[in-house]
Amino acid sequence: MSGTTRVLVLRMKARWWDEIASGSKSVELRLQTEYWRKRLIGREYDEIHLWKGYPPKSETQFLLKRKWVSVVECEIVHEEFGPEPVKVFSIDVSEPV
């Protein structure tokens, strides 16, 4: 690969970040909004950088790096989004870099 590494940066709540770090969560969810559609659909990345909150970049203990694998559109019910079904992007974050 030549050129700059293409990185998708995702900021996360501690609970979800901790679950990914422990291996108990393998996907990250984002609501299907125009904002996320522009960043995910038809795009390819080399890596996903998952940050626990908004720490300074020097505090890399709050950074998980994952390979870009895929994104899938689906409809789910999830506690984070309320009791009604919502459409989300499900981003695979299962493979460490």
PDB file of N, CA and C in Angstrom:
ATOM      1  N   MET A   1       0.841  -1.169   0.000  1.00  0.00           N
ATOM      2  CA  MET A   1       0.000   0.000   0.000  1.00  0.00           C
ATOM      3  C   MET A   1       0.890   1.236   0.000  1.00  0.00           C
ATOM      4  N   SER A   2       0.528   2.193  -0.807  1.00  0.00           N
ATOM      5  CA  SER A   2       1.289   3.425  -0.842  1.00  0.00           C
ATOM      6  C   SER A   2       0.396   4.580  -0.453  1.00  0.00           C
ATOM      7  N   GLY A   3       0.996   5.677  -0.078  1.00  0.00           N
ATOM      8  CA  GLY A   3       0.213   6.849   0.286  1.00  0.00           C
ATOM      9  C   GLY A   3      -0.153   6.856   1.752  1.00  0.00           C
ATOM     10  N   THR A   4      -1.087   7.714   2.065  1.00  0.00           N
ATOM     11  CA  THR A   4      -1.518   7.921   3.433  1.00  0.00           C
ATOM     12  C   THR A   4      -2.502   6.835   3.866  1.00  0.00           C
ATOM     13  N   THR A   5      -2.403   6.419   5.112  1.00  0.00           N
ATOM     14  CA  THR A   5      -3.343   5.462   5.679  1.00  0.00           C
ATOM     15  C   THR A   5      -4.693   6.140   5.840  1.00  0.00           C
ATOM     16  N   ARG A   6      -5.737   5.485   5.350  1.00  0.00           N
ATOM     17  CA  ARG A   6      -7.100   6.023   5.453  1.00  0.00           C
ATOM     18  C   ARG A   6      -7.696   5.537   6.771  1.00  0.00           C
ATOM     19  N   VAL A   7      -8.030   6.483   7.653  1.00  0.00           N
ATOM     20  CA  VAL A   7      -8.462   6.146   9.008  1.00  0.00           C
ATOM     21  C   VAL A   7      -9.858   6.696   9.274  1.00  0.00           C
ATOM     22  N   LEU A   8     -10.733   5.832   9.773  1.00  0.00           N
ATOM     23  CA  LEU A   8     -12.038   6.239  10.279  1.00  0.00           C
ATOM     24  C   LEU A   8     -11.898   6.390  11.780  1.00  0.00           C
ATOM     25  N   VAL A   9     -12.182   7.572  12.310  1.00  0.00           N
ATOM     26  CA  VAL A   9     -12.066   7.834  13.741  1.00  0.00           C
ATOM     27  C   VAL A   9     -13.457   7.796  14.360  1.00  0.00           C
ATOM     28  N   LEU A  10     -13.601   6.974  15.400  1.00  0.00           N
ATOM     29  CA  LEU A  10     -14.861   6.878  16.129  1.00  0.00           C
ATOM     30  C   LEU A  10     -14.604   7.183  17.601  1.00  0.00           C
ATOM     31  N   ARG A  11     -15.345   8.140  18.136  1.00  0.00           N
ATOM     32  CA  ARG A  11     -15.300   8.469  19.565  1.00  0.00           C
ATOM     33  C   ARG A  11     -16.413   7.691  20.241  1.00  0.00           C
ATOM     34  N   MET A  12     -16.118   7.128  21.413  1.00  0.00           N
ATOM     35  CA  MET A  12     -17.071   6.225  22.037  1.00  0.00           C
ATOM     36  C   MET A  12     -17.226   6.468  23.526  1.00  0.00           C
ATOM     37  N   LYS A  13     -18.381   6.072  24.031  1.00  0.00           N
ATOM     38  CA  LYS A  13     -18.596   6.060  25.474  1.00  0.00           C
ATOM     39  C   LYS A  13     -17.745   4.951  26.070  1.00  0.00           C
ATOM     40  N   ALA A  14     -17.321   5.134  27.321  1.00  0.00           N
ATOM     41  CA  ALA A  14     -16.427   4.186  27.989  1.00  0.00           C
ATOM     42  C   ALA A  14     -16.988   2.767  28.005  1.00  0.00           C
ATOM     43  N   ARG A  15     -18.273   2.616  28.266  1.00  0.00           N
ATOM     44  CA  ARG A  15     -18.876   1.284  28.365  1.00  0.00           C
ATOM     45  C   ARG A  15     -18.658   0.482  27.082  1.00  0.00           C
ATOM     46  N   TRP A  16     -18.962   1.079  25.943  1.00  0.00           N
ATOM     47  CA  TRP A  16     -18.855   0.366  24.665  1.00  0.00           C
ATOM     48  C   TRP A  16     -17.391   0.144  24.282  1.00  0.00           C
ATOM     49  N   TRP A  17     -16.538   1.113  24.550  1.00  0.00           N
ATOM     50  CA  TRP A  17     -15.108   0.980  24.267  1.00  0.00           C
ATOM     51  C   TRP A  17     -14.524  -0.180  25.076  1.00  0.00           C
ATOM     52  N   ASP A  18     -14.877  -0.234  26.364  1.00  0.00           N
ATOM     53  CA  ASP A  18     -14.380  -1.308  27.234  1.00  0.00           C
ATOM     54  C   ASP A  18     -14.817  -2.683  26.730  1.00  0.00           C
ATOM     55  N   GLU A  19     -16.049  -2.778  26.216  1.00  0.00           N
ATOM     56  CA  GLU A  19     -16.528  -4.060  25.693  1.00  0.00           C
ATOM     57  C   GLU A  19     -15.751  -4.474  24.440  1.00  0.00           C
ATOM     58  N   ILE A  20     -15.424  -3.538  23.586  1.00  0.00           N
ATOM     59  CA  ILE A  20     -14.612  -3.855  22.406  1.00  0.00           C
ATOM     60  C   ILE A  20     -13.209  -4.256  22.840  1.00  0.00           C
ATOM     61  N   ALA A  21     -12.641  -3.514  23.780  1.00  0.00           N
ATOM     62  CA  ALA A  21     -11.294  -3.820  24.273  1.00  0.00           C
ATOM     63  C   ALA A  21     -11.224  -5.220  24.876  1.00  0.00           C
ATOM     64  N   SER A  22     -12.290  -5.648  25.566  1.00  0.00           N
ATOM     65  CA  SER A  22     -12.305  -6.976  26.196  1.00  0.00           C
ATOM     66  C   SER A  22     -12.614  -8.091  25.211  1.00  0.00           C
ATOM     67  N   GLY A  23     -13.100  -7.734  24.020  1.00  0.00           N
ATOM     68  CA  GLY A  23     -13.449  -8.731  23.024  1.00  0.00           C
ATOM     69  C   GLY A  23     -14.899  -9.187  23.087  1.00  0.00           C
ATOM     70  N   SER A  24     -15.696  -8.626  24.003  1.00  0.00           N
ATOM     71  CA  SER A  24     -17.091  -9.058  24.122  1.00  0.00           C
ATOM     72  C   SER A  24     -18.020  -8.342  23.143  1.00  0.00           C
ATOM     73  N   LYS A  25     -17.521  -7.318  22.474  1.00  0.00           N
ATOM     74  CA  LYS A  25     -18.308  -6.583  21.471  1.00  0.00           C
ATOM     75  C   LYS A  25     -17.484  -6.517  20.195  1.00  0.00           C
ATOM     76  N   SER A  26     -18.105  -6.896  19.063  1.00  0.00           N
ATOM     77  CA  SER A  26     -17.335  -6.952  17.813  1.00  0.00           C
ATOM     78  C   SER A  26     -17.827  -5.989  16.744  1.00  0.00           C
ATOM     79  N   VAL A  27     -18.894  -5.239  17.038  1.00  0.00           N
ATOM     80  CA  VAL A  27     -19.381  -4.232  16.097  1.00  0.00           C
ATOM     81  C   VAL A  27     -19.655  -2.937  16.842  1.00  0.00           C
ATOM     82  N   GLU A  28     -19.495  -1.842  16.131  1.00  0.00           N
ATOM     83  CA  GLU A  28     -19.860  -0.526  16.660  1.00  0.00           C
ATOM     84  C   GLU A  28     -21.024  -0.023  15.824  1.00  0.00           C
ATOM     85  N   LEU A  29     -21.999   0.565  16.484  1.00  0.00           N
ATOM     86  CA  LEU A  29     -23.219   1.012  15.826  1.00  0.00           C
ATOM     87  C   LEU A  29     -23.260   2.527  15.703  1.00  0.00           C
ATOM     88  N   ARG A  30     -23.755   2.989  14.570  1.00  0.00           N
ATOM     89  CA  ARG A  30     -24.012   4.408  14.349  1.00  0.00           C
ATOM     90  C   ARG A  30     -25.379   4.535  13.682  1.00  0.00           C
ATOM     91  N   LEU A  31     -26.187   5.477  14.159  1.00  0.00           N
ATOM     92  CA  LEU A  31     -27.492   5.704  13.550  1.00  0.00           C
ATOM     93  C   LEU A  31     -27.331   6.045  12.077  1.00  0.00           C
ATOM     94  N   GLN A  32     -28.288   5.614  11.273  1.00  0.00           N
ATOM     95  CA  GLN A  32     -28.251   5.930   9.846  1.00  0.00           C
ATOM     96  C   GLN A  32     -28.695   7.380   9.648  1.00  0.00           C
ATOM     97  N   THR A  33     -27.722   8.264   9.687  1.00  0.00           N
ATOM     98  CA  THR A  33     -27.947   9.675   9.397  1.00  0.00           C
ATOM     99  C   THR A  33     -27.152  10.027   8.153  1.00  0.00           C
ATOM    100  N   GLU A  34     -27.447  11.174   7.579  1.00  0.00           N
ATOM    101  CA  GLU A  34     -26.700  11.617   6.403  1.00  0.00           C
ATOM    102  C   GLU A  34     -25.215  11.787   6.752  1.00  0.00           C
ATOM    103  N   TYR A  35     -24.937  12.264   7.962  1.00  0.00           N
ATOM    104  CA  TYR A  35     -23.554  12.430   8.434  1.00  0.00           C
ATOM    105  C   TYR A  35     -22.783  11.117   8.303  1.00  0.00           C
ATOM    106  N   TRP A  36     -23.338  10.021   8.859  1.00  0.00           N
ATOM    107  CA  TRP A  36     -22.633   8.738   8.824  1.00  0.00           C
ATOM    108  C   TRP A  36     -22.698   8.093   7.453  1.00  0.00           C
ATOM    109  N   ARG A  37     -23.776   8.303   6.726  1.00  0.00           N
ATOM    110  CA  ARG A  37     -23.876   7.741   5.370  1.00  0.00           C
ATOM    111  C   ARG A  37     -22.723   8.253   4.504  1.00  0.00           C
ATOM    112  N   LYS A  38     -22.433   9.560   4.578  1.00  0.00           N
ATOM    113  CA  LYS A  38     -21.345  10.147   3.780  1.00  0.00           C
ATOM    114  C   LYS A  38     -19.989   9.559   4.156  1.00  0.00           C
ATOM    115  N   ARG A  39     -19.820   9.168   5.400  1.00  0.00           N
ATOM    116  CA  ARG A  39     -18.532   8.667   5.878  1.00  0.00           C
ATOM    117  C   ARG A  39     -18.363   7.164   5.716  1.00  0.00           C
ATOM    118  N   LEU A  40     -19.487   6.447   5.541  1.00  0.00           N
ATOM    119  CA  LEU A  40     -19.395   4.989   5.535  1.00  0.00           C
ATOM    120  C   LEU A  40     -19.766   4.320   4.218  1.00  0.00           C
ATOM    121  N   ILE A  41     -20.783   4.785   3.535  1.00  0.00           N
ATOM    122  CA  ILE A  41     -21.269   4.099   2.348  1.00  0.00           C
ATOM    123  C   ILE A  41     -20.414   4.479   1.136  1.00  0.00           C
ATOM    124  N   GLY A  42     -19.899   3.454   0.459  1.00  0.00           N
ATOM    125  CA  GLY A  42     -19.054   3.671  -0.707  1.00  0.00           C
ATOM    126  C   GLY A  42     -17.640   4.102  -0.375  1.00  0.00           C
ATOM    127  N   ARG A  43     -17.273   4.033   0.896  1.00  0.00           N
ATOM    128  CA  ARG A  43     -15.929   4.432   1.329  1.00  0.00           C
ATOM    129  C   ARG A  43     -15.151   3.210   1.769  1.00  0.00           C
ATOM    130  N   GLU A  44     -13.855   3.290   1.665  1.00  0.00           N
ATOM    131  CA  GLU A  44     -12.962   2.246   2.157  1.00  0.00           C
ATOM    132  C   GLU A  44     -11.931   2.897   3.063  1.00  0.00           C
ATOM    133  N   TYR A  45     -11.598   2.221   4.125  1.00  0.00           N
ATOM    134  CA  TYR A  45     -10.588   2.696   5.063  1.00  0.00           C
ATOM    135  C   TYR A  45      -9.560   1.594   5.256  1.00  0.00           C
ATOM    136  N   ASP A  46      -8.412   1.954   5.760  1.00  0.00           N
ATOM    137  CA  ASP A  46      -7.393   0.974   6.108  1.00  0.00           C
ATOM    138  C   ASP A  46      -7.524   0.567   7.570  1.00  0.00           C
ATOM    139  N   GLU A  47      -7.858   1.547   8.417  1.00  0.00           N
ATOM    140  CA  GLU A  47      -7.945   1.317   9.853  1.00  0.00           C
ATOM    141  C   GLU A  47      -9.127   2.074  10.439  1.00  0.00           C
ATOM    142  N   ILE A  48      -9.568   1.590  11.596  1.00  0.00           N
ATOM    143  CA  ILE A  48     -10.552   2.295  12.417  1.00  0.00           C
ATOM    144  C   ILE A  48      -9.859   2.611  13.732  1.00  0.00           C
ATOM    145  N   HIS A  49      -9.896   3.855  14.138  1.00  0.00           N
ATOM    146  CA  HIS A  49      -9.334   4.252  15.429  1.00  0.00           C
ATOM    147  C   HIS A  49     -10.489   4.543  16.370  1.00  0.00           C
ATOM    148  N   LEU A  50     -10.588   3.737  17.417  1.00  0.00           N
ATOM    149  CA  LEU A  50     -11.649   3.860  18.406  1.00  0.00           C
ATOM    150  C   LEU A  50     -11.091   4.549  19.642  1.00  0.00           C
ATOM    151  N   TRP A  51     -11.594   5.726  19.927  1.00  0.00           N
ATOM    152  CA  TRP A  51     -11.127   6.501  21.069  1.00  0.00           C
ATOM    153  C   TRP A  51     -12.149   6.433  22.195  1.00  0.00           C
ATOM    154  N   LYS A  52     -11.665   6.229  23.394  1.00  0.00           N
ATOM    155  CA  LYS A  52     -12.509   6.252  24.590  1.00  0.00           C
ATOM    156  C   LYS A  52     -12.668   7.711  24.991  1.00  0.00           C
ATOM    157  N   GLY A  53     -13.779   8.312  24.568  1.00  0.00           N
ATOM    158  CA  GLY A  53     -14.019   9.724  24.851  1.00  0.00           C
ATOM    159  C   GLY A  53     -13.192  10.634  23.963  1.00  0.00           C
ATOM    160  N   TYR A  54     -12.713  11.729  24.556  1.00  0.00           N
ATOM    161  CA  TYR A  54     -11.967  12.754  23.815  1.00  0.00           C
ATOM    162  C   TYR A  54     -10.649  13.092  24.511  1.00  0.00           C
ATOM    163  N   PRO A  55      -9.773  12.092  24.707  1.00  0.00           N
ATOM    164  CA  PRO A  55      -8.495  12.378  25.361  1.00  0.00           C
ATOM    165  C   PRO A  55      -7.518  13.054  24.397  1.00  0.00           C
ATOM    166  N   PRO A  56      -6.442  13.648  24.932  1.00  0.00           N
ATOM    167  CA  PRO A  56      -5.385  14.139  24.047  1.00  0.00           C
ATOM    168  C   PRO A  56      -4.803  12.976  23.234  1.00  0.00           C
ATOM    169  N   LYS A  57      -4.366  13.254  22.016  1.00  0.00           N
ATOM    170  CA  LYS A  57      -3.817  12.198  21.148  1.00  0.00           C
ATOM    171  C   LYS A  57      -2.632  11.476  21.779  1.00  0.00           C
ATOM    172  N   SER A  58      -1.949  12.141  22.698  1.00  0.00           N
ATOM    173  CA  SER A  58      -0.791  11.523  23.345  1.00  0.00           C
ATOM    174  C   SER A  58      -1.195  10.410  24.315  1.00  0.00           C
ATOM    175  N   GLU A  59      -2.448  10.373  24.740  1.00  0.00           N
ATOM    176  CA  GLU A  59      -2.908   9.362  25.702  1.00  0.00           C
ATOM    177  C   GLU A  59      -3.425   8.129  24.950  1.00  0.00           C
ATOM    178  N   THR A  60      -2.489   7.415  24.344  1.00  0.00           N
ATOM    179  CA  THR A  60      -2.837   6.307  23.458  1.00  0.00           C
ATOM    180  C   THR A  60      -3.378   5.081  24.198  1.00  0.00           C
ATOM    181  N   GLN A  61      -3.373   5.086  25.515  1.00  0.00           N
ATOM    182  CA  GLN A  61      -3.999   3.972  26.238  1.00  0.00           C
ATOM    183  C   GLN A  61      -5.518   3.990  26.047  1.00  0.00           C
ATOM    184  N   PHE A  62      -6.060   5.092  25.515  1.00  0.00           N
ATOM    185  CA  PHE A  62      -7.490   5.204  25.235  1.00  0.00           C
ATOM    186  C   PHE A  62      -7.804   5.012  23.752  1.00  0.00           C
ATOM    187  N   LEU A  63      -6.857   4.423  23.019  1.00  0.00           N
ATOM    188  CA  LEU A  63      -7.011   4.205  21.583  1.00  0.00           C
ATOM    189  C   LEU A  63      -6.932   2.718  21.259  1.00  0.00           C
ATOM    190  N   LEU A  64      -7.933   2.240  20.530  1.00  0.00           N
ATOM    191  CA  LEU A  64      -7.899   0.887  19.964  1.00  0.00           C
ATOM    192  C   LEU A  64      -7.822   1.032  18.453  1.00  0.00           C
ATOM    193  N   LYS A  65      -6.957   0.265  17.823  1.00  0.00           N
ATOM    194  CA  LYS A  65      -6.857   0.283  16.364  1.00  0.00           C
ATOM    195  C   LYS A  65      -7.382  -1.035  15.820  1.00  0.00           C
ATOM    196  N   ARG A  66      -8.259  -0.937  14.834  1.00  0.00           N
ATOM    197  CA  ARG A  66      -8.859  -2.105  14.218  1.00  0.00           C
ATOM    198  C   ARG A  66      -8.726  -2.012  12.705  1.00  0.00           C
ATOM    199  N   LYS A  67      -8.735  -3.169  12.034  1.00  0.00           N
ATOM    200  CA  LYS A  67      -8.739  -3.211  10.575  1.00  0.00           C
ATOM    201  C   LYS A  67     -10.129  -2.860  10.077  1.00  0.00           C
ATOM    202  N   TRP A  68     -10.193  -2.162   8.960  1.00  0.00           N
ATOM    203  CA  TRP A  68     -11.467  -1.925   8.292  1.00  0.00           C
ATOM    204  C   TRP A  68     -11.874  -3.242   7.643  1.00  0.00           C
ATOM    205  N   VAL A  69     -13.047  -3.757   8.000  1.00  0.00           N
ATOM    206  CA  VAL A  69     -13.551  -4.999   7.439  1.00  0.00           C
ATOM    207  C   VAL A  69     -14.803  -4.718   6.625  1.00  0.00           C
ATOM    208  N   SER A  70     -15.831  -4.194   7.287  1.00  0.00           N
ATOM    209  CA  SER A  70     -17.088  -3.953   6.582  1.00  0.00           C
ATOM    210  C   SER A  70     -18.024  -3.085   7.405  1.00  0.00           C
ATOM    211  N   VAL A  71     -19.038  -2.589   6.708  1.00  0.00           N
ATOM    212  CA  VAL A  71     -20.148  -1.899   7.350  1.00  0.00           C
ATOM    213  C   VAL A  71     -21.424  -2.460   6.735  1.00  0.00           C
ATOM    214  N   VAL A  72     -22.435  -2.703   7.578  1.00  0.00           N
ATOM    215  CA  VAL A  72     -23.699  -3.280   7.145  1.00  0.00           C
ATOM    216  C   VAL A  72     -24.830  -2.400   7.650  1.00  0.00           C
ATOM    217  N   GLU A  73     -25.835  -2.203   6.807  1.00  0.00           N
ATOM    218  CA  GLU A  73     -27.021  -1.472   7.222  1.00  0.00           C
ATOM    219  C   GLU A  73     -28.023  -2.471   7.789  1.00  0.00           C
ATOM    220  N   CYS A  74     -28.599  -2.155   8.958  1.00  0.00           N
ATOM    221  CA  CYS A  74     -29.592  -3.040   9.544  1.00  0.00           C
ATOM    222  C   CYS A  74     -30.546  -2.249  10.436  1.00  0.00           C
ATOM    223  N   GLU A  75     -31.595  -2.921  10.874  1.00  0.00           N
ATOM    224  CA  GLU A  75     -32.569  -2.316  11.771  1.00  0.00           C
ATOM    225  C   GLU A  75     -32.564  -3.119  13.068  1.00  0.00           C
ATOM    226  N   ILE A  76     -32.446  -2.405  14.196  1.00  0.00           N
ATOM    227  CA  ILE A  76     -32.322  -3.076  15.490  1.00  0.00           C
ATOM    228  C   ILE A  76     -33.110  -2.327  16.556  1.00  0.00           C
ATOM    229  N   VAL A  77     -33.306  -2.991  17.687  1.00  0.00           N
ATOM    230  CA  VAL A  77     -33.749  -2.347  18.918  1.00  0.00           C
ATOM    231  C   VAL A  77     -32.557  -2.445  19.858  1.00  0.00           C
ATOM    232  N   HIS A  78     -32.143  -1.307  20.417  1.00  0.00           N
ATOM    233  CA  HIS A  78     -30.947  -1.281  21.268  1.00  0.00           C
ATOM    234  C   HIS A  78     -31.155  -0.251  22.364  1.00  0.00           C
ATOM    235  N   GLU A  79     -30.716  -0.580  23.561  1.00  0.00           N
ATOM    236  CA  GLU A  79     -30.909   0.308  24.711  1.00  0.00           C
ATOM    237  C   GLU A  79     -30.355   1.713  24.500  1.00  0.00           C
ATOM    238  N   GLU A  80     -29.311   1.833  23.735  1.00  0.00           N
ATOM    239  CA  GLU A  80     -28.691   3.142  23.485  1.00  0.00           C
ATOM    240  C   GLU A  80     -29.605   4.063  22.677  1.00  0.00           C
ATOM    241  N   PHE A  81     -30.487   3.473  21.865  1.00  0.00           N
ATOM    242  CA  PHE A  81     -31.312   4.258  20.954  1.00  0.00           C
ATOM    243  C   PHE A  81     -32.789   4.286  21.335  1.00  0.00           C
ATOM    244  N   GLY A  82     -33.164   3.676  22.442  1.00  0.00           N
ATOM    245  CA  GLY A  82     -34.555   3.695  22.877  1.00  0.00           C
ATOM    246  C   GLY A  82     -35.291   2.410  22.534  1.00  0.00           C
ATOM    247  N   PRO A  83     -36.602   2.365  22.864  1.00  0.00           N
ATOM    248  CA  PRO A  83     -37.366   1.117  22.737  1.00  0.00           C
ATOM    249  C   PRO A  83     -37.870   0.806  21.327  1.00  0.00           C
ATOM    250  N   GLU A  84     -37.817   1.746  20.419  1.00  0.00           N
ATOM    251  CA  GLU A  84     -38.319   1.534  19.054  1.00  0.00           C
ATOM    252  C   GLU A  84     -37.199   1.060  18.128  1.00  0.00           C
ATOM    253  N   PRO A  85     -37.538   0.292  17.096  1.00  0.00           N
ATOM    254  CA  PRO A  85     -36.517  -0.115  16.117  1.00  0.00           C
ATOM    255  C   PRO A  85     -35.926   1.107  15.400  1.00  0.00           C
ATOM    256  N   VAL A  86     -34.630   1.070  15.170  1.00  0.00           N
ATOM    257  CA  VAL A  86     -33.939   2.141  14.450  1.00  0.00           C
ATOM    258  C   VAL A  86     -33.026   1.522  13.397  1.00  0.00           C
ATOM    259  N   LYS A  87     -32.771   2.281  12.346  1.00  0.00           N
ATOM    260  CA  LYS A  87     -31.835   1.846  11.312  1.00  0.00           C
ATOM    261  C   LYS A  87     -30.442   2.333  11.697  1.00  0.00           C
ATOM    262  N   VAL A  88     -29.485   1.404  11.616  1.00  0.00           N
ATOM    263  CA  VAL A  88     -28.119   1.711  12.008  1.00  0.00           C
ATOM    264  C   VAL A  88     -27.129   1.196  10.973  1.00  0.00           C
ATOM    265  N   PHE A  89     -25.919   1.719  11.078  1.00  0.00           N
ATOM    266  CA  PHE A  89     -24.768   1.146  10.402  1.00  0.00           C
ATOM    267  C   PHE A  89     -24.042   0.312  11.431  1.00  0.00           C
ATOM    268  N   SER A  90     -23.761  -0.936  11.106  1.00  0.00           N
ATOM    269  CA  SER A  90     -23.036  -1.830  11.989  1.00  0.00           C
ATOM    270  C   SER A  90     -21.613  -1.993  11.418  1.00  0.00           C
ATOM    271  N   ILE A  91     -20.637  -1.459  12.144  1.00  0.00           N
ATOM    272  CA  ILE A  91     -19.254  -1.423  11.685  1.00  0.00           C
ATOM    273  C   ILE A  91     -18.478  -2.542  12.379  1.00  0.00           C
ATOM    274  N   ASP A  92     -17.904  -3.431  11.602  1.00  0.00           N
ATOM    275  CA  ASP A  92     -17.126  -4.553  12.155  1.00  0.00           C
ATOM    276  C   ASP A  92     -15.824  -4.017  12.743  1.00  0.00           C
ATOM    277  N   VAL A  93     -15.635  -4.246  14.047  1.00  0.00           N
ATOM    278  CA  VAL A  93     -14.409  -3.820  14.725  1.00  0.00           C
ATOM    279  C   VAL A  93     -13.730  -5.015  15.403  1.00  0.00           C
ATOM    280  N   SER A  94     -13.861  -6.191  14.791  1.00  0.00           N
ATOM    281  CA  SER A  94     -13.393  -7.423  15.421  1.00  0.00           C
ATOM    282  C   SER A  94     -11.913  -7.720  15.196  1.00  0.00           C
ATOM    283  N   GLU A  95     -11.299  -7.127  14.190  1.00  0.00           N
ATOM    284  CA  GLU A  95      -9.927  -7.496  13.848  1.00  0.00           C
ATOM    285  C   GLU A  95      -8.920  -6.413  14.234  1.00  0.00           C
ATOM    286  N   PRO A  96      -8.084  -6.679  15.236  1.00  0.00           N
ATOM    287  CA  PRO A  96      -7.035  -5.709  15.598  1.00  0.00           C
ATOM    288  C   PRO A  96      -6.068  -5.503  14.428  1.00  0.00           C
ATOM    289  N   VAL A  97      -5.453  -4.335  14.403  1.00  0.00           N
ATOM    290  CA  VAL A  97      -4.446  -4.037  13.379  1.00  0.00           C
ATOM    291  C   VAL A  97      -3.178  -4.764  13.722  1.00  0.00           C
TER     292      VAL A  97
END
